[in-house]
Amino acid sequence: MLGSSVLTVACEQTEVLLFDPISSRHIKTLTEAHEDCVNNIRFLDNRLFATCSDDTTIALWDLRKLNSKVCSLHGHASWVKNIEYDTNTRLLVTSGFDGNVITWDTN
């Protein structure tokens, strides 16, 4: 996913990789972004992004402070596989293998 000037890569491990999309230079690895496989990444704006995982959580991240998550969202009972975001309403929508679709208000 491309946000601002950073390319993010979800790994089948617990990691999220960040690259400069112009030079392909590796910027940072979030080594323990989650406790299980990272499945999807969605930018909310040019600095905030969300990740979802088989650990049943969604994490919000800020590119300006990657040493820790902004927050973790809990609500799914199984693997979270997809994230969508509506910039007009600022609603984050996630779906998982528990059969649930959850809407999160990021306002």
PDB file of N, CA and C in Angstrom:
ATOM      1  N   MET A   1       0.842  -1.179   0.000  1.00  0.00           N
ATOM      2  CA  MET A   1       0.000   0.000   0.000  1.00  0.00           C
ATOM      3  C   MET A   1       0.887   1.242   0.000  1.00  0.00           C
ATOM      4  N   LEU A   2       0.458   2.245  -0.715  1.00  0.00           N
ATOM      5  CA  LEU A   2       1.250   3.461  -0.828  1.00  0.00           C
ATOM      6  C   LEU A   2       0.604   4.569  -0.035  1.00  0.00           C
ATOM      7  N   GLY A   3       1.319   5.159   0.893  1.00  0.00           N
ATOM      8  CA  GLY A   3       0.829   6.275   1.670  1.00  0.00           C
ATOM      9  C   GLY A   3       1.911   7.319   1.703  1.00  0.00           C
ATOM     10  N   SER A   4       1.548   8.528   1.324  1.00  0.00           N
ATOM     11  CA  SER A   4       2.538   9.597   1.276  1.00  0.00           C
ATOM     12  C   SER A   4       3.680   9.126   0.393  1.00  0.00           C
ATOM     13  N   SER A   5       4.858   8.953   0.959  1.00  0.00           N
ATOM     14  CA  SER A   5       5.991   8.492   0.164  1.00  0.00           C
ATOM     15  C   SER A   5       6.589   7.219   0.763  1.00  0.00           C
ATOM     16  N   VAL A   6       5.723   6.369   1.273  1.00  0.00           N
ATOM     17  CA  VAL A   6       6.164   5.116   1.883  1.00  0.00           C
ATOM     18  C   VAL A   6       5.359   3.966   1.286  1.00  0.00           C
ATOM     19  N   LEU A   7       6.061   2.908   0.942  1.00  0.00           N
ATOM     20  CA  LEU A   7       5.427   1.678   0.479  1.00  0.00           C
ATOM     21  C   LEU A   7       5.459   0.698   1.644  1.00  0.00           C
ATOM     22  N   THR A   8       4.304   0.165   2.027  1.00  0.00           N
ATOM     23  CA  THR A   8       4.245  -0.791   3.131  1.00  0.00           C
ATOM     24  C   THR A   8       3.914  -2.175   2.579  1.00  0.00           C
ATOM     25  N   VAL A   9       4.485  -3.195   3.228  1.00  0.00           N
ATOM     26  CA  VAL A   9       4.305  -4.571   2.787  1.00  0.00           C
ATOM     27  C   VAL A   9       3.884  -5.416   3.984  1.00  0.00           C
ATOM     28  N   ALA A  10       2.754  -6.109   3.843  1.00  0.00           N
ATOM     29  CA  ALA A  10       2.298  -7.038   4.873  1.00  0.00           C
ATOM     30  C   ALA A  10       2.982  -8.374   4.650  1.00  0.00           C
ATOM     31  N   CYS A  11       3.457  -8.972   5.735  1.00  0.00           N
ATOM     32  CA  CYS A  11       4.174 -10.243   5.633  1.00  0.00           C
ATOM     33  C   CYS A  11       3.345 -11.371   6.220  1.00  0.00           C
ATOM     34  N   GLU A  12       3.618 -12.586   5.749  1.00  0.00           N
ATOM     35  CA  GLU A  12       2.968 -13.755   6.339  1.00  0.00           C
ATOM     36  C   GLU A  12       3.570 -14.077   7.691  1.00  0.00           C
ATOM     37  N   GLN A  13       4.400 -13.199   8.159  1.00  0.00           N
ATOM     38  CA  GLN A  13       4.948 -13.317   9.499  1.00  0.00           C
ATOM     39  C   GLN A  13       4.306 -12.210  10.321  1.00  0.00           C
ATOM     40  N   THR A  14       4.928 -11.815  11.384  1.00  0.00           N
ATOM     41  CA  THR A  14       4.371 -10.780  12.261  1.00  0.00           C
ATOM     42  C   THR A  14       4.847  -9.391  11.861  1.00  0.00           C
ATOM     43  N   GLU A  15       5.485  -9.278  10.702  1.00  0.00           N
ATOM     44  CA  GLU A  15       6.165  -8.037  10.328  1.00  0.00           C
ATOM     45  C   GLU A  15       5.405  -7.197   9.311  1.00  0.00           C
ATOM     46  N   VAL A  16       5.704  -5.894   9.368  1.00  0.00           N
ATOM     47  CA  VAL A  16       5.327  -4.951   8.318  1.00  0.00           C
ATOM     48  C   VAL A  16       6.626  -4.298   7.865  1.00  0.00           C
ATOM     49  N   LEU A  17       6.860  -4.304   6.560  1.00  0.00           N
ATOM     50  CA  LEU A  17       8.071  -3.708   6.002  1.00  0.00           C
ATOM     51  C   LEU A  17       7.723  -2.375   5.362  1.00  0.00           C
ATOM     52  N   LEU A  18       8.597  -1.382   5.538  1.00  0.00           N
ATOM     53  CA  LEU A  18       8.400  -0.067   4.936  1.00  0.00           C
ATOM     54  C   LEU A  18       9.561   0.248   4.006  1.00  0.00           C
ATOM     55  N   PHE A  19       9.235   0.716   2.800  1.00  0.00           N
ATOM     56  CA  PHE A  19      10.228   1.024   1.776  1.00  0.00           C
ATOM     57  C   PHE A  19       9.987   2.408   1.194  1.00  0.00           C
ATOM     58  N   ASP A  20      11.050   3.000   0.665  1.00  0.00           N
ATOM     59  CA  ASP A  20      10.935   4.196  -0.158  1.00  0.00           C
ATOM     60  C   ASP A  20      10.564   3.713  -1.559  1.00  0.00           C
ATOM     61  N   PRO A  21       9.402   4.113  -2.108  1.00  0.00           N
ATOM     62  CA  PRO A  21       8.976   3.566  -3.396  1.00  0.00           C
ATOM     63  C   PRO A  21       9.799   4.052  -4.592  1.00  0.00           C
ATOM     64  N   ILE A  22      10.503   5.150  -4.439  1.00  0.00           N
ATOM     65  CA  ILE A  22      11.324   5.676  -5.535  1.00  0.00           C
ATOM     66  C   ILE A  22      12.646   4.923  -5.645  1.00  0.00           C
ATOM     67  N   SER A  23      13.349   4.819  -4.510  1.00  0.00           N
ATOM     68  CA  SER A  23      14.674   4.195  -4.520  1.00  0.00           C
ATOM     69  C   SER A  23      14.634   2.704  -4.194  1.00  0.00           C
ATOM     70  N   SER A  24      13.493   2.215  -3.734  1.00  0.00           N
ATOM     71  CA  SER A  24      13.336   0.829  -3.254  1.00  0.00           C
ATOM     72  C   SER A  24      14.150   0.563  -1.988  1.00  0.00           C
ATOM     73  N   ARG A  25      14.606   1.617  -1.344  1.00  0.00           N
ATOM     74  CA  ARG A  25      15.402   1.482  -0.121  1.00  0.00           C
ATOM     75  C   ARG A  25      14.516   1.062   1.049  1.00  0.00           C
ATOM     76  N   HIS A  26      14.976   0.072   1.803  1.00  0.00           N
ATOM     77  CA  HIS A  26      14.275  -0.389   2.994  1.00  0.00           C
ATOM     78  C   HIS A  26      14.399   0.690   4.070  1.00  0.00           C
ATOM     79  N   ILE A  27      13.275   1.138   4.619  1.00  0.00           N
ATOM     80  CA  ILE A  27      13.264   2.200   5.626  1.00  0.00           C
ATOM     81  C   ILE A  27      13.218   1.617   7.038  1.00  0.00           C
ATOM     82  N   LYS A  28      12.273   0.707   7.250  1.00  0.00           N
ATOM     83  CA  LYS A  28      12.076   0.170   8.597  1.00  0.00           C
ATOM     84  C   LYS A  28      11.308  -1.137   8.520  1.00  0.00           C
ATOM     85  N   THR A  29      11.511  -1.967   9.530  1.00  0.00           N
ATOM     86  CA  THR A  29      10.718  -3.183   9.709  1.00  0.00           C
ATOM     87  C   THR A  29      10.042  -3.098  11.070  1.00  0.00           C
ATOM     88  N   LEU A  30       8.735  -3.226  11.072  1.00  0.00           N
ATOM     89  CA  LEU A  30       7.999  -3.335  12.332  1.00  0.00           C
ATOM     90  C   LEU A  30       7.987  -4.828  12.658  1.00  0.00           C
ATOM     91  N   THR A  31       8.971  -5.266  13.452  1.00  0.00           N
ATOM     92  CA  THR A  31       9.232  -6.697  13.627  1.00  0.00           C
ATOM     93  C   THR A  31       8.108  -7.441  14.325  1.00  0.00           C
ATOM     94  N   GLU A  32       7.463  -6.835  15.276  1.00  0.00           N
ATOM     95  CA  GLU A  32       6.358  -7.502  15.961  1.00  0.00           C
ATOM     96  C   GLU A  32       5.116  -6.634  15.879  1.00  0.00           C
ATOM     97  N   ALA A  33       4.724  -6.328  14.648  1.00  0.00           N
ATOM     98  CA  ALA A  33       3.541  -5.502  14.429  1.00  0.00           C
ATOM     99  C   ALA A  33       2.295  -6.196  14.977  1.00  0.00           C
ATOM    100  N   HIS A  34       2.287  -7.522  14.876  1.00  0.00           N
ATOM    101  CA  HIS A  34       1.185  -8.342  15.384  1.00  0.00           C
ATOM    102  C   HIS A  34       1.776  -9.624  15.959  1.00  0.00           C
ATOM    103  N   GLU A  35       0.918 -10.425  16.579  1.00  0.00           N
ATOM    104  CA  GLU A  35       1.356 -11.695  17.163  1.00  0.00           C
ATOM    105  C   GLU A  35       1.205 -12.860  16.201  1.00  0.00           C
ATOM    106  N   ASP A  36       0.651 -12.604  15.006  1.00  0.00           N
ATOM    107  CA  ASP A  36       0.478 -13.640  13.993  1.00  0.00           C
ATOM    108  C   ASP A  36       0.583 -12.958  12.626  1.00  0.00           C
ATOM    109  N   CYS A  37       0.309 -13.672  11.568  1.00  0.00           N
ATOM    110  CA  CYS A  37       0.462 -13.147  10.201  1.00  0.00           C
ATOM    111  C   CYS A  37      -0.273 -11.824   9.996  1.00  0.00           C
ATOM    112  N   VAL A  38       0.397 -10.888   9.342  1.00  0.00           N
ATOM    113  CA  VAL A  38      -0.220  -9.623   8.947  1.00  0.00           C
ATOM    114  C   VAL A  38      -0.853  -9.850   7.572  1.00  0.00           C
ATOM    115  N   ASN A  39      -2.141  -9.534   7.441  1.00  0.00           N
ATOM    116  CA  ASN A  39      -2.883  -9.867   6.234  1.00  0.00           C
ATOM    117  C   ASN A  39      -3.150  -8.695   5.292  1.00  0.00           C
ATOM    118  N   ASN A  40      -3.297  -7.514   5.829  1.00  0.00           N
ATOM    119  CA  ASN A  40      -3.691  -6.394   4.989  1.00  0.00           C
ATOM    120  C   ASN A  40      -3.258  -5.086   5.636  1.00  0.00           C
ATOM    121  N   ILE A  41      -3.050  -4.087   4.784  1.00  0.00           N
ATOM    122  CA  ILE A  41      -2.682  -2.746   5.242  1.00  0.00           C
ATOM    123  C   ILE A  41      -3.523  -1.745   4.461  1.00  0.00           C
ATOM    124  N   ARG A  42      -4.025  -0.726   5.149  1.00  0.00           N
ATOM    125  CA  ARG A  42      -4.800   0.312   4.476  1.00  0.00           C
ATOM    126  C   ARG A  42      -4.406   1.672   5.061  1.00  0.00           C
ATOM    127  N   PHE A  43      -4.001   2.601   4.189  1.00  0.00           N
ATOM    128  CA  PHE A  43      -3.714   3.956   4.645  1.00  0.00           C
ATOM    129  C   PHE A  43      -5.011   4.722   4.849  1.00  0.00           C
ATOM    130  N   LEU A  44      -5.092   5.459   5.962  1.00  0.00           N
ATOM    131  CA  LEU A  44      -6.262   6.281   6.256  1.00  0.00           C
ATOM    132  C   LEU A  44      -6.056   7.702   5.750  1.00  0.00           C
ATOM    133  N   ASP A  45      -4.812   8.137   5.753  1.00  0.00           N
ATOM    134  CA  ASP A  45      -4.421   9.427   5.187  1.00  0.00           C
ATOM    135  C   ASP A  45      -2.929   9.325   4.865  1.00  0.00           C
ATOM    136  N   ASN A  46      -2.245  10.439   4.733  1.00  0.00           N
ATOM    137  CA  ASN A  46      -0.832  10.355   4.336  1.00  0.00           C
ATOM    138  C   ASN A  46       0.112  10.010   5.483  1.00  0.00           C
ATOM    139  N   ARG A  47      -0.403   9.788   6.680  1.00  0.00           N
ATOM    140  CA  ARG A  47       0.459   9.403   7.792  1.00  0.00           C
ATOM    141  C   ARG A  47      -0.068   8.239   8.626  1.00  0.00           C
ATOM    142  N   LEU A  48      -1.379   8.041   8.678  1.00  0.00           N
ATOM    143  CA  LEU A  48      -1.954   6.966   9.481  1.00  0.00           C
ATOM    144  C   LEU A  48      -2.295   5.767   8.615  1.00  0.00           C
ATOM    145  N   PHE A  49      -1.971   4.565   9.121  1.00  0.00           N
ATOM    146  CA  PHE A  49      -2.373   3.353   8.424  1.00  0.00           C
ATOM    147  C   PHE A  49      -2.807   2.288   9.424  1.00  0.00           C
ATOM    148  N   ALA A  50      -3.615   1.367   8.932  1.00  0.00           N
ATOM    149  CA  ALA A  50      -4.126   0.273   9.753  1.00  0.00           C
ATOM    150  C   ALA A  50      -3.608  -1.047   9.198  1.00  0.00           C
ATOM    151  N   THR A  51      -3.334  -1.978  10.106  1.00  0.00           N
ATOM    152  CA  THR A  51      -2.943  -3.333   9.726  1.00  0.00           C
ATOM    153  C   THR A  51      -3.912  -4.305  10.394  1.00  0.00           C
ATOM    154  N   CYS A  52      -4.134  -5.462   9.756  1.00  0.00           N
ATOM    155  CA  CYS A  52      -4.966  -6.486  10.384  1.00  0.00           C
ATOM    156  C   CYS A  52      -4.233  -7.818  10.324  1.00  0.00           C
ATOM    157  N   SER A  53      -4.643  -8.727  11.204  1.00  0.00           N
ATOM    158  CA  SER A  53      -3.828  -9.915  11.408  1.00  0.00           C
ATOM    159  C   SER A  53      -4.654 -11.146  11.775  1.00  0.00           C
ATOM    160  N   ASP A  54      -3.995 -12.291  11.638  1.00  0.00           N
ATOM    161  CA  ASP A  54      -4.562 -13.543  12.124  1.00  0.00           C
ATOM    162  C   ASP A  54      -4.637 -13.580  13.647  1.00  0.00           C
ATOM    163  N   ASP A  55      -4.013 -12.602  14.324  1.00  0.00           N
ATOM    164  CA  ASP A  55      -4.109 -12.557  15.790  1.00  0.00           C
ATOM    165  C   ASP A  55      -5.440 -11.948  16.252  1.00  0.00           C
ATOM    166  N   THR A  56      -6.360 -11.696  15.329  1.00  0.00           N
ATOM    167  CA  THR A  56      -7.725 -11.177  15.538  1.00  0.00           C
ATOM    168  C   THR A  56      -7.787  -9.678  15.811  1.00  0.00           C
ATOM    169  N   THR A  57      -6.671  -8.966  15.668  1.00  0.00           N
ATOM    170  CA  THR A  57      -6.674  -7.530  15.976  1.00  0.00           C
ATOM    171  C   THR A  57      -6.413  -6.681  14.737  1.00  0.00           C
ATOM    172  N   ILE A  58      -6.747  -5.409  14.894  1.00  0.00           N
ATOM    173  CA  ILE A  58      -6.424  -4.361  13.926  1.00  0.00           C
ATOM    174  C   ILE A  58      -5.542  -3.380  14.686  1.00  0.00           C
ATOM    175  N   ALA A  59      -4.467  -2.936  14.072  1.00  0.00           N
ATOM    176  CA  ALA A  59      -3.585  -1.956  14.719  1.00  0.00           C
ATOM    177  C   ALA A  59      -3.559  -0.691  13.880  1.00  0.00           C
ATOM    178  N   LEU A  60      -3.549   0.450  14.548  1.00  0.00           N
ATOM    179  CA  LEU A  60      -3.384   1.742  13.880  1.00  0.00           C
ATOM    180  C   LEU A  60      -1.976   2.235  14.136  1.00  0.00           C
ATOM    181  N   TRP A  61      -1.345   2.760  13.083  1.00  0.00           N
ATOM    182  CA  TRP A  61       0.047   3.207  13.126  1.00  0.00           C
ATOM    183  C   TRP A  61       0.158   4.625  12.591  1.00  0.00           C
ATOM    184  N   ASP A  62       1.141   5.360  13.086  1.00  0.00           N
ATOM    185  CA  ASP A  62       1.445   6.710  12.616  1.00  0.00           C
ATOM    186  C   ASP A  62       2.877   6.702  12.080  1.00  0.00           C
ATOM    187  N   LEU A  63       3.056   7.087  10.819  1.00  0.00           N
ATOM    188  CA  LEU A  63       4.393   7.085  10.206  1.00  0.00           C
ATOM    189  C   LEU A  63       5.386   7.958  10.959  1.00  0.00           C
ATOM    190  N   ARG A  64       4.905   8.945  11.701  1.00  0.00           N
ATOM    191  CA  ARG A  64       5.803   9.841  12.434  1.00  0.00           C
ATOM    192  C   ARG A  64       6.318   9.224  13.729  1.00  0.00           C
ATOM    193  N   LYS A  65       5.662   8.141  14.179  1.00  0.00           N
ATOM    194  CA  LYS A  65       6.055   7.501  15.440  1.00  0.00           C
ATOM    195  C   LYS A  65       5.823   5.995  15.326  1.00  0.00           C
ATOM    196  N   LEU A  66       6.741   5.322  14.670  1.00  0.00           N
ATOM    197  CA  LEU A  66       6.573   3.897  14.379  1.00  0.00           C
ATOM    198  C   LEU A  66       7.066   2.977  15.491  1.00  0.00           C
ATOM    199  N   ASN A  67       7.552   3.532  16.590  1.00  0.00           N
ATOM    200  CA  ASN A  67       8.052   2.688  17.673  1.00  0.00           C
ATOM    201  C   ASN A  67       6.940   1.985  18.435  1.00  0.00           C
ATOM    202  N   SER A  68       5.708   2.500  18.307  1.00  0.00           N
ATOM    203  CA  SER A  68       4.581   1.851  18.974  1.00  0.00           C
ATOM    204  C   SER A  68       3.302   2.129  18.195  1.00  0.00           C
ATOM    205  N   LYS A  69       2.325   1.264  18.388  1.00  0.00           N
ATOM    206  CA  LYS A  69       1.021   1.417  17.747  1.00  0.00           C
ATOM    207  C   LYS A  69       0.301   2.624  18.335  1.00  0.00           C
ATOM    208  N   VAL A  70      -0.523   3.260  17.529  1.00  0.00           N
ATOM    209  CA  VAL A  70      -1.413   4.295  18.054  1.00  0.00           C
ATOM    210  C   VAL A  70      -2.430   3.613  18.962  1.00  0.00           C
ATOM    211  N   CYS A  71      -2.993   2.495  18.479  1.00  0.00           N
ATOM    212  CA  CYS A  71      -3.906   1.693  19.294  1.00  0.00           C
ATOM    213  C   CYS A  71      -4.145   0.347  18.622  1.00  0.00           C
ATOM    214  N   SER A  72      -4.692  -0.578  19.393  1.00  0.00           N
ATOM    215  CA  SER A  72      -5.121  -1.880  18.873  1.00  0.00           C
ATOM    216  C   SER A  72      -6.630  -1.964  19.021  1.00  0.00           C
ATOM    217  N   LEU A  73      -7.286  -2.489  17.989  1.00  0.00           N
ATOM    218  CA  LEU A  73      -8.733  -2.658  18.015  1.00  0.00           C
ATOM    219  C   LEU A  73      -9.051  -4.138  18.154  1.00  0.00           C
ATOM    220  N   HIS A  74      -9.909  -4.449  19.122  1.00  0.00           N
ATOM    221  CA  HIS A  74     -10.293  -5.833  19.400  1.00  0.00           C
ATOM    222  C   HIS A  74     -11.796  -5.975  19.190  1.00  0.00           C
ATOM    223  N   GLY A  75     -12.223  -7.021  18.524  1.00  0.00           N
ATOM    224  CA  GLY A  75     -13.646  -7.234  18.291  1.00  0.00           C
ATOM    225  C   GLY A  75     -13.912  -8.474  17.467  1.00  0.00           C
ATOM    226  N   HIS A  76     -12.931  -8.897  16.695  1.00  0.00           N
ATOM    227  CA  HIS A  76     -13.087 -10.121  15.899  1.00  0.00           C
ATOM    228  C   HIS A  76     -12.701 -11.331  16.742  1.00  0.00           C
ATOM    229  N   ALA A  77     -13.335 -12.461  16.428  1.00  0.00           N
ATOM    230  CA  ALA A  77     -13.060 -13.710  17.150  1.00  0.00           C
ATOM    231  C   ALA A  77     -12.151 -14.644  16.352  1.00  0.00           C
ATOM    232  N   SER A  78     -11.795 -14.231  15.134  1.00  0.00           N
ATOM    233  CA  SER A  78     -10.938 -15.059  14.296  1.00  0.00           C
ATOM    234  C   SER A  78     -10.079 -14.140  13.428  1.00  0.00           C
ATOM    235  N   TRP A  79      -9.378 -14.738  12.478  1.00  0.00           N
ATOM    236  CA  TRP A  79      -8.467 -14.001  11.610  1.00  0.00           C
ATOM    237  C   TRP A  79      -9.147 -12.796  10.961  1.00  0.00           C
ATOM    238  N   VAL A  80      -8.474 -11.649  10.980  1.00  0.00           N
ATOM    239  CA  VAL A  80      -8.979 -10.455  10.300  1.00  0.00           C
ATOM    240  C   VAL A  80      -8.250 -10.379   8.966  1.00  0.00           C
ATOM    241  N   LYS A  81      -9.003 -10.407   7.879  1.00  0.00           N
ATOM    242  CA  LYS A  81      -8.402 -10.541   6.551  1.00  0.00           C
ATOM    243  C   LYS A  81      -8.486  -9.290   5.692  1.00  0.00           C
ATOM    244  N   ASN A  82      -9.408  -8.372   5.969  1.00  0.00           N
ATOM    245  CA  ASN A  82      -9.574  -7.235   5.077  1.00  0.00           C
ATOM    246  C   ASN A  82      -9.870  -5.954   5.847  1.00  0.00           C
ATOM    247  N   ILE A  83      -9.385  -4.845   5.289  1.00  0.00           N
ATOM    248  CA  ILE A  83      -9.627  -3.513   5.841  1.00  0.00           C
ATOM    249  C   ILE A  83     -10.052  -2.610   4.693  1.00  0.00           C
ATOM    250  N   GLU A  84     -11.106  -1.864   4.910  1.00  0.00           N
ATOM    251  CA  GLU A  84     -11.510  -0.803   3.973  1.00  0.00           C
ATOM    252  C   GLU A  84     -11.658   0.475   4.779  1.00  0.00           C
ATOM    253  N   TYR A  85     -11.542   1.612   4.102  1.00  0.00           N
ATOM    254  CA  TYR A  85     -11.641   2.896   4.805  1.00  0.00           C
ATOM    255  C   TYR A  85     -12.348   3.906   3.916  1.00  0.00           C
ATOM    256  N   ASP A  86     -13.321   4.611   4.480  1.00  0.00           N
ATOM    257  CA  ASP A  86     -14.033   5.669   3.768  1.00  0.00           C
ATOM    258  C   ASP A  86     -13.537   7.017   4.288  1.00  0.00           C
ATOM    259  N   THR A  87     -12.822   7.751   3.451  1.00  0.00           N
ATOM    260  CA  THR A  87     -12.244   9.028   3.880  1.00  0.00           C
ATOM    261  C   THR A  87     -13.308  10.079   4.182  1.00  0.00           C
ATOM    262  N   ASN A  88     -14.486   9.985   3.558  1.00  0.00           N
ATOM    263  CA  ASN A  88     -15.545  10.975   3.811  1.00  0.00           C
ATOM    264  C   ASN A  88     -16.154  10.821   5.194  1.00  0.00           C
ATOM    265  N   THR A  89     -16.468   9.589   5.575  1.00  0.00           N
ATOM    266  CA  THR A  89     -17.100   9.348   6.878  1.00  0.00           C
ATOM    267  C   THR A  89     -16.078   9.021   7.965  1.00  0.00           C
ATOM    268  N   ARG A  90     -14.833   8.737   7.545  1.00  0.00           N
ATOM    269  CA  ARG A  90     -13.751   8.320   8.443  1.00  0.00           C
ATOM    270  C   ARG A  90     -14.093   7.030   9.179  1.00  0.00           C
ATOM    271  N   LEU A  91     -14.795   6.140   8.475  1.00  0.00           N
ATOM    272  CA  LEU A  91     -15.142   4.842   9.035  1.00  0.00           C
ATOM    273  C   LEU A  91     -14.203   3.777   8.488  1.00  0.00           C
ATOM    274  N   LEU A  92     -13.691   2.968   9.403  1.00  0.00           N
ATOM    275  CA  LEU A  92     -12.832   1.841   9.073  1.00  0.00           C
ATOM    276  C   LEU A  92     -13.712   0.592   9.143  1.00  0.00           C
ATOM    277  N   VAL A  93     -13.653  -0.244   8.126  1.00  0.00           N
ATOM    278  CA  VAL A  93     -14.458  -1.462   8.096  1.00  0.00           C
ATOM    279  C   VAL A  93     -13.519  -2.650   7.964  1.00  0.00           C
ATOM    280  N   THR A  94     -13.706  -3.641   8.838  1.00  0.00           N
ATOM    281  CA  THR A  94     -12.870  -4.836   8.799  1.00  0.00           C
ATOM    282  C   THR A  94     -13.760  -6.068   8.680  1.00  0.00           C
ATOM    283  N   SER A  95     -13.203  -7.096   8.048  1.00  0.00           N
ATOM    284  CA  SER A  95     -13.932  -8.369   7.957  1.00  0.00           C
ATOM    285  C   SER A  95     -12.980  -9.503   8.299  1.00  0.00           C
ATOM    286  N   GLY A  96     -13.558 -10.538   8.883  1.00  0.00           N
ATOM    287  CA  GLY A  96     -12.725 -11.643   9.324  1.00  0.00           C
ATOM    288  C   GLY A  96     -13.366 -12.990   9.102  1.00  0.00           C
ATOM    289  N   PHE A  97     -12.607 -14.035   9.403  1.00  0.00           N
ATOM    290  CA  PHE A  97     -13.070 -15.406   9.245  1.00  0.00           C
ATOM    291  C   PHE A  97     -14.121 -15.787  10.281  1.00  0.00           C
ATOM    292  N   ASP A  98     -14.405 -14.886  11.230  1.00  0.00           N
ATOM    293  CA  ASP A  98     -15.489 -15.137  12.176  1.00  0.00           C
ATOM    294  C   ASP A  98     -16.845 -14.823  11.553  1.00  0.00           C
ATOM    295  N   GLY A  99     -16.832 -14.349  10.288  1.00  0.00           N
ATOM    296  CA  GLY A  99     -18.066 -14.025   9.593  1.00  0.00           C
ATOM    297  C   GLY A  99     -18.580 -12.627   9.888  1.00  0.00           C
ATOM    298  N   ASN A 100     -17.847 -11.864  10.682  1.00  0.00           N
ATOM    299  CA  ASN A 100     -18.292 -10.533  11.066  1.00  0.00           C
ATOM    300  C   ASN A 100     -17.645  -9.445  10.214  1.00  0.00           C
ATOM    301  N   VAL A 101     -18.428  -8.406   9.980  1.00  0.00           N
ATOM    302  CA  VAL A 101     -17.930  -7.166   9.392  1.00  0.00           C
ATOM    303  C   VAL A 101     -18.147  -6.116  10.475  1.00  0.00           C
ATOM    304  N   ILE A 102     -17.054  -5.470  10.878  1.00  0.00           N
ATOM    305  CA  ILE A 102     -17.120  -4.491  11.959  1.00  0.00           C
ATOM    306  C   ILE A 102     -16.767  -3.120  11.422  1.00  0.00           C
ATOM    307  N   THR A 103     -17.565  -2.115  11.801  1.00  0.00           N
ATOM    308  CA  THR A 103     -17.306  -0.727  11.440  1.00  0.00           C
ATOM    309  C   THR A 103     -16.753  -0.008  12.654  1.00  0.00           C
ATOM    310  N   TRP A 104     -15.618   0.653  12.465  1.00  0.00           N
ATOM    311  CA  TRP A 104     -14.938   1.390  13.538  1.00  0.00           C
ATOM    312  C   TRP A 104     -14.961   2.870  13.190  1.00  0.00           C
ATOM    313  N   ASP A 105     -15.385   3.709  14.124  1.00  0.00           N
ATOM    314  CA  ASP A 105     -15.410   5.158  13.914  1.00  0.00           C
ATOM    315  C   ASP A 105     -14.076   5.718  14.339  1.00  0.00           C
ATOM    316  N   THR A 106     -13.296   6.262  13.383  1.00  0.00           N
ATOM    317  CA  THR A 106     -11.964   6.791  13.711  1.00  0.00           C
ATOM    318  C   THR A 106     -11.989   8.268  14.074  1.00  0.00           C
ATOM    319  N   ASN A 107     -13.196   8.850  14.139  1.00  0.00           N
ATOM    320  CA  ASN A 107     -13.271  10.280  14.488  1.00  0.00           C
ATOM    321  C   ASN A 107     -12.851  10.487  15.888  1.00  0.00           C
TER     322      ASN A 107
END
